[in-house]
N, C-alpha and C. Protein backbone atom coordinates (compact mmCIF):
# COMPACT_ATOMS: atom_id res chain seq x y z
N UNK A 1 -1.07 39.56 -29.47
CA UNK A 1 -1.15 38.26 -28.84
C UNK A 1 -2.60 37.80 -28.80
N UNK A 2 -2.86 36.59 -29.27
CA UNK A 2 -4.25 36.11 -29.22
C UNK A 2 -4.60 35.69 -27.80
N UNK A 3 -5.84 35.83 -27.45
CA UNK A 3 -6.31 35.33 -26.16
C UNK A 3 -6.98 33.98 -26.42
N UNK A 4 -6.69 33.03 -25.57
CA UNK A 4 -7.20 31.68 -25.78
C UNK A 4 -8.41 31.46 -24.88
N UNK A 5 -9.37 30.69 -25.36
CA UNK A 5 -10.53 30.38 -24.54
C UNK A 5 -10.81 28.89 -24.62
N UNK A 6 -11.47 28.42 -23.59
CA UNK A 6 -11.80 27.00 -23.49
C UNK A 6 -13.14 26.80 -24.18
N UNK A 7 -13.20 25.84 -25.15
CA UNK A 7 -14.45 25.65 -25.89
C UNK A 7 -15.23 24.41 -25.47
N UNK A 8 -14.93 23.86 -24.30
CA UNK A 8 -15.67 22.72 -23.78
C UNK A 8 -15.09 21.37 -24.19
N UNK A 9 -14.12 21.34 -25.09
CA UNK A 9 -13.48 20.09 -25.45
C UNK A 9 -12.14 20.02 -24.74
N UNK A 10 -11.34 19.07 -25.09
CA UNK A 10 -10.04 18.93 -24.43
C UNK A 10 -8.98 19.85 -25.03
N UNK A 11 -9.34 20.65 -26.01
CA UNK A 11 -8.35 21.52 -26.61
C UNK A 11 -8.75 22.98 -26.44
N UNK A 12 -7.77 23.84 -26.53
CA UNK A 12 -8.01 25.28 -26.48
C UNK A 12 -8.06 25.79 -27.91
N UNK A 13 -8.86 26.77 -28.17
CA UNK A 13 -8.90 27.31 -29.52
C UNK A 13 -8.75 28.81 -29.48
N UNK A 14 -8.25 29.31 -30.56
CA UNK A 14 -8.10 30.75 -30.72
C UNK A 14 -9.48 31.30 -31.11
N UNK A 15 -9.99 32.33 -30.41
CA UNK A 15 -11.31 32.84 -30.74
C UNK A 15 -11.40 33.37 -32.17
N UNK A 16 -10.28 33.71 -32.79
CA UNK A 16 -10.31 34.21 -34.15
C UNK A 16 -10.32 33.09 -35.19
N UNK A 17 -10.14 31.84 -34.75
CA UNK A 17 -10.11 30.75 -35.71
C UNK A 17 -11.51 30.38 -36.15
N UNK A 18 -11.60 29.72 -37.30
CA UNK A 18 -12.89 29.40 -37.89
C UNK A 18 -13.33 27.99 -37.52
N UNK A 19 -12.42 27.15 -37.03
CA UNK A 19 -12.74 25.76 -36.76
C UNK A 19 -13.84 25.65 -35.70
N UNK A 20 -14.85 24.87 -36.02
CA UNK A 20 -15.94 24.65 -35.07
C UNK A 20 -15.60 23.45 -34.20
N UNK A 21 -16.09 23.46 -33.00
CA UNK A 21 -15.82 22.32 -32.13
C UNK A 21 -16.66 21.14 -32.57
N UNK A 22 -16.08 19.94 -32.47
CA UNK A 22 -16.76 18.72 -32.88
C UNK A 22 -17.79 18.34 -31.82
N UNK A 23 -18.89 17.71 -32.22
CA UNK A 23 -19.88 17.27 -31.23
C UNK A 23 -19.28 16.17 -30.36
N UNK A 24 -19.82 16.03 -29.18
CA UNK A 24 -19.32 15.04 -28.23
C UNK A 24 -19.53 13.63 -28.79
N UNK A 25 -18.51 12.78 -28.62
CA UNK A 25 -18.59 11.42 -29.13
C UNK A 25 -19.02 10.43 -28.05
N UNK A 26 -19.40 10.91 -26.89
CA UNK A 26 -19.81 10.02 -25.81
C UNK A 26 -21.16 9.39 -26.12
N UNK A 27 -21.25 8.10 -25.86
CA UNK A 27 -22.53 7.42 -26.02
C UNK A 27 -23.29 7.50 -24.72
N UNK A 28 -24.56 7.74 -24.83
CA UNK A 28 -25.38 7.81 -23.63
C UNK A 28 -25.99 6.45 -23.36
N UNK A 29 -26.12 6.13 -22.10
CA UNK A 29 -26.74 4.89 -21.70
C UNK A 29 -28.22 4.97 -22.03
N UNK A 30 -28.73 4.02 -22.80
CA UNK A 30 -30.12 4.07 -23.23
C UNK A 30 -31.09 3.96 -22.06
N UNK A 31 -30.69 3.28 -21.01
CA UNK A 31 -31.59 3.08 -19.88
C UNK A 31 -31.43 4.12 -18.78
N UNK A 32 -30.51 5.06 -18.95
CA UNK A 32 -30.23 6.00 -17.87
C UNK A 32 -31.44 6.88 -17.53
N UNK A 33 -32.31 7.13 -18.51
CA UNK A 33 -33.46 8.00 -18.25
C UNK A 33 -34.73 7.21 -18.04
N UNK A 34 -34.63 5.89 -18.04
CA UNK A 34 -35.82 5.06 -17.88
C UNK A 34 -35.88 4.50 -16.47
N UNK A 35 -37.09 4.15 -16.07
CA UNK A 35 -37.25 3.48 -14.78
C UNK A 35 -36.71 2.06 -14.89
N UNK A 36 -36.22 1.50 -13.78
CA UNK A 36 -35.73 0.13 -13.85
C UNK A 36 -36.87 -0.82 -14.21
N UNK A 37 -36.56 -1.80 -15.06
CA UNK A 37 -37.59 -2.76 -15.45
C UNK A 37 -37.87 -3.68 -14.28
N UNK A 38 -39.15 -4.07 -14.15
CA UNK A 38 -39.48 -5.03 -13.10
C UNK A 38 -38.94 -6.39 -13.51
N UNK A 39 -38.40 -7.09 -12.56
CA UNK A 39 -37.77 -8.36 -12.85
C UNK A 39 -38.82 -9.47 -12.86
N UNK A 40 -38.81 -10.24 -13.92
CA UNK A 40 -39.75 -11.35 -14.00
C UNK A 40 -39.24 -12.48 -13.13
N UNK A 41 -40.13 -13.36 -12.68
CA UNK A 41 -39.69 -14.49 -11.84
C UNK A 41 -38.64 -15.36 -12.54
N UNK A 42 -38.77 -15.51 -13.86
CA UNK A 42 -37.81 -16.33 -14.60
C UNK A 42 -36.43 -15.68 -14.59
N UNK A 43 -36.40 -14.37 -14.84
CA UNK A 43 -35.11 -13.66 -14.83
C UNK A 43 -34.49 -13.67 -13.45
N UNK A 44 -35.32 -13.54 -12.42
CA UNK A 44 -34.82 -13.56 -11.04
C UNK A 44 -34.21 -14.93 -10.74
N UNK A 45 -34.90 -15.99 -11.17
CA UNK A 45 -34.40 -17.34 -10.95
C UNK A 45 -33.06 -17.53 -11.67
N UNK A 46 -32.96 -17.06 -12.92
CA UNK A 46 -31.71 -17.17 -13.66
C UNK A 46 -30.58 -16.40 -12.97
N UNK A 47 -30.91 -15.20 -12.50
CA UNK A 47 -29.90 -14.38 -11.82
C UNK A 47 -29.42 -15.06 -10.55
N UNK A 48 -30.36 -15.62 -9.77
CA UNK A 48 -29.98 -16.31 -8.53
C UNK A 48 -29.13 -17.54 -8.82
N UNK A 49 -29.46 -18.30 -9.87
CA UNK A 49 -28.67 -19.47 -10.23
C UNK A 49 -27.26 -19.06 -10.66
N UNK A 50 -27.19 -18.00 -11.45
CA UNK A 50 -25.89 -17.51 -11.91
C UNK A 50 -25.04 -17.03 -10.72
N UNK A 51 -25.70 -16.36 -9.78
CA UNK A 51 -25.00 -15.88 -8.58
C UNK A 51 -24.53 -17.05 -7.73
N UNK A 52 -25.37 -18.08 -7.62
CA UNK A 52 -25.00 -19.25 -6.83
C UNK A 52 -23.77 -19.94 -7.43
N UNK A 53 -23.75 -20.07 -8.77
CA UNK A 53 -22.61 -20.69 -9.45
C UNK A 53 -21.34 -19.85 -9.26
N UNK A 54 -21.49 -18.53 -9.37
CA UNK A 54 -20.33 -17.64 -9.18
C UNK A 54 -19.79 -17.76 -7.76
N UNK A 55 -20.70 -17.86 -6.78
CA UNK A 55 -20.27 -18.00 -5.38
C UNK A 55 -19.55 -19.32 -5.17
N UNK A 56 -20.06 -20.40 -5.79
CA UNK A 56 -19.42 -21.71 -5.66
C UNK A 56 -18.01 -21.68 -6.27
N UNK A 57 -17.89 -21.05 -7.42
CA UNK A 57 -16.57 -20.95 -8.07
C UNK A 57 -15.62 -20.12 -7.22
N UNK A 58 -16.11 -19.03 -6.63
CA UNK A 58 -15.28 -18.18 -5.78
C UNK A 58 -14.77 -18.97 -4.58
N UNK A 59 -15.67 -19.71 -3.94
CA UNK A 59 -15.25 -20.50 -2.78
C UNK A 59 -14.20 -21.54 -3.16
N UNK A 60 -14.36 -22.17 -4.33
CA UNK A 60 -13.38 -23.15 -4.79
C UNK A 60 -12.02 -22.51 -5.02
N UNK A 61 -12.03 -21.35 -5.67
CA UNK A 61 -10.75 -20.64 -5.92
C UNK A 61 -10.11 -20.21 -4.61
N UNK A 62 -10.94 -19.78 -3.67
CA UNK A 62 -10.42 -19.34 -2.37
C UNK A 62 -9.77 -20.51 -1.63
N UNK A 63 -10.43 -21.69 -1.65
CA UNK A 63 -9.86 -22.87 -1.00
C UNK A 63 -8.53 -23.25 -1.64
N UNK A 64 -8.50 -23.19 -2.97
CA UNK A 64 -7.28 -23.53 -3.69
C UNK A 64 -6.15 -22.56 -3.33
N UNK A 65 -6.47 -21.27 -3.25
CA UNK A 65 -5.48 -20.26 -2.91
C UNK A 65 -4.95 -20.47 -1.48
N UNK A 66 -5.86 -20.77 -0.56
CA UNK A 66 -5.45 -21.01 0.83
C UNK A 66 -4.55 -22.23 0.92
N UNK A 67 -4.89 -23.30 0.17
CA UNK A 67 -4.05 -24.50 0.18
C UNK A 67 -2.67 -24.21 -0.39
N UNK A 68 -2.62 -23.40 -1.45
CA UNK A 68 -1.34 -23.01 -2.03
C UNK A 68 -0.49 -22.26 -1.00
N UNK A 69 -1.13 -21.35 -0.27
CA UNK A 69 -0.40 -20.60 0.76
C UNK A 69 0.09 -21.50 1.88
N UNK A 70 -0.74 -22.47 2.29
CA UNK A 70 -0.33 -23.41 3.35
C UNK A 70 0.87 -24.25 2.88
N UNK A 71 0.81 -24.70 1.62
CA UNK A 71 1.94 -25.47 1.08
C UNK A 71 3.21 -24.63 1.07
N UNK A 72 3.06 -23.37 0.69
CA UNK A 72 4.22 -22.48 0.65
C UNK A 72 4.79 -22.24 2.05
N UNK A 73 3.90 -22.09 3.04
CA UNK A 73 4.34 -21.91 4.42
C UNK A 73 5.14 -23.14 4.88
N UNK A 74 4.61 -24.32 4.58
CA UNK A 74 5.29 -25.56 4.99
C UNK A 74 6.67 -25.64 4.35
N UNK A 75 6.75 -25.34 3.05
CA UNK A 75 8.03 -25.41 2.34
C UNK A 75 9.03 -24.41 2.91
N UNK A 76 8.58 -23.16 3.14
CA UNK A 76 9.48 -22.14 3.66
C UNK A 76 9.91 -22.44 5.10
N UNK A 77 9.00 -23.00 5.90
CA UNK A 77 9.35 -23.36 7.27
C UNK A 77 10.41 -24.45 7.27
N UNK A 78 10.22 -25.43 6.38
CA UNK A 78 11.21 -26.51 6.27
C UNK A 78 12.57 -25.95 5.83
N UNK A 79 12.54 -25.06 4.85
CA UNK A 79 13.77 -24.45 4.36
C UNK A 79 14.45 -23.63 5.47
N UNK A 80 13.65 -22.89 6.22
CA UNK A 80 14.17 -22.07 7.32
C UNK A 80 14.83 -22.94 8.38
N UNK A 81 14.16 -24.05 8.75
CA UNK A 81 14.74 -24.95 9.76
C UNK A 81 16.05 -25.57 9.26
N UNK A 82 16.08 -25.91 7.98
CA UNK A 82 17.29 -26.48 7.39
C UNK A 82 18.45 -25.48 7.46
N UNK A 83 18.17 -24.23 7.13
CA UNK A 83 19.20 -23.19 7.18
C UNK A 83 19.66 -22.96 8.62
N UNK A 84 18.74 -23.00 9.57
CA UNK A 84 19.13 -22.83 10.99
C UNK A 84 20.07 -23.96 11.43
N UNK A 85 19.74 -25.19 11.02
CA UNK A 85 20.60 -26.33 11.37
C UNK A 85 21.98 -26.17 10.73
N UNK A 86 22.01 -25.70 9.50
CA UNK A 86 23.29 -25.49 8.81
C UNK A 86 24.12 -24.43 9.53
N UNK A 87 23.48 -23.35 9.96
CA UNK A 87 24.17 -22.28 10.70
C UNK A 87 24.74 -22.82 12.00
N UNK A 88 23.90 -23.63 12.70
CA UNK A 88 24.34 -24.21 13.97
C UNK A 88 25.57 -25.10 13.76
N UNK A 89 25.56 -25.91 12.70
CA UNK A 89 26.69 -26.81 12.41
C UNK A 89 27.94 -26.01 12.06
N UNK A 90 27.79 -24.96 11.28
CA UNK A 90 28.94 -24.13 10.91
C UNK A 90 29.53 -23.42 12.12
N UNK A 91 28.67 -22.97 13.04
CA UNK A 91 29.17 -22.32 14.26
C UNK A 91 29.98 -23.29 15.11
N UNK A 92 29.55 -24.54 15.16
CA UNK A 92 30.28 -25.55 15.95
C UNK A 92 31.63 -25.89 15.31
N UNK A 93 31.73 -25.75 13.99
CA UNK A 93 32.99 -26.04 13.30
C UNK A 93 33.99 -24.89 13.41
N UNK A 94 33.49 -23.68 13.68
CA UNK A 94 34.36 -22.50 13.72
C UNK A 94 35.26 -22.56 14.96
N UNK A 95 36.43 -21.95 14.86
CA UNK A 95 37.31 -21.89 16.03
C UNK A 95 36.65 -21.09 17.14
N UNK A 96 37.03 -21.35 18.39
CA UNK A 96 36.36 -20.71 19.53
C UNK A 96 36.44 -19.16 19.49
N UNK A 97 37.51 -18.60 18.96
CA UNK A 97 37.62 -17.13 18.95
C UNK A 97 36.67 -16.46 17.91
N UNK A 98 36.10 -17.24 16.99
CA UNK A 98 35.17 -16.69 15.99
C UNK A 98 33.70 -16.90 16.39
N UNK A 99 33.46 -17.56 17.48
CA UNK A 99 32.07 -17.81 17.88
C UNK A 99 31.43 -16.66 18.52
């Protein structure tokens, strides 16, 4: 029976086999070993403008979502009241022994 060993990849290999393990295909982040670059005033201004625009868009979407929910609440409340009135009318039509 062969004994299996872990060769550092996602597969197990038989120690008697000749196949070599493939090198890792992971890409390394080029900036991971570097210090963060200092931000120029122009880049900072661009970043702040981009952030401001993103915040404005988020607030607009949030308002739209809240309005959609309010409309849905109004519609469901109206539907609920209508169903309650229908139930009340049907109960009044029923014979007294079924009430």
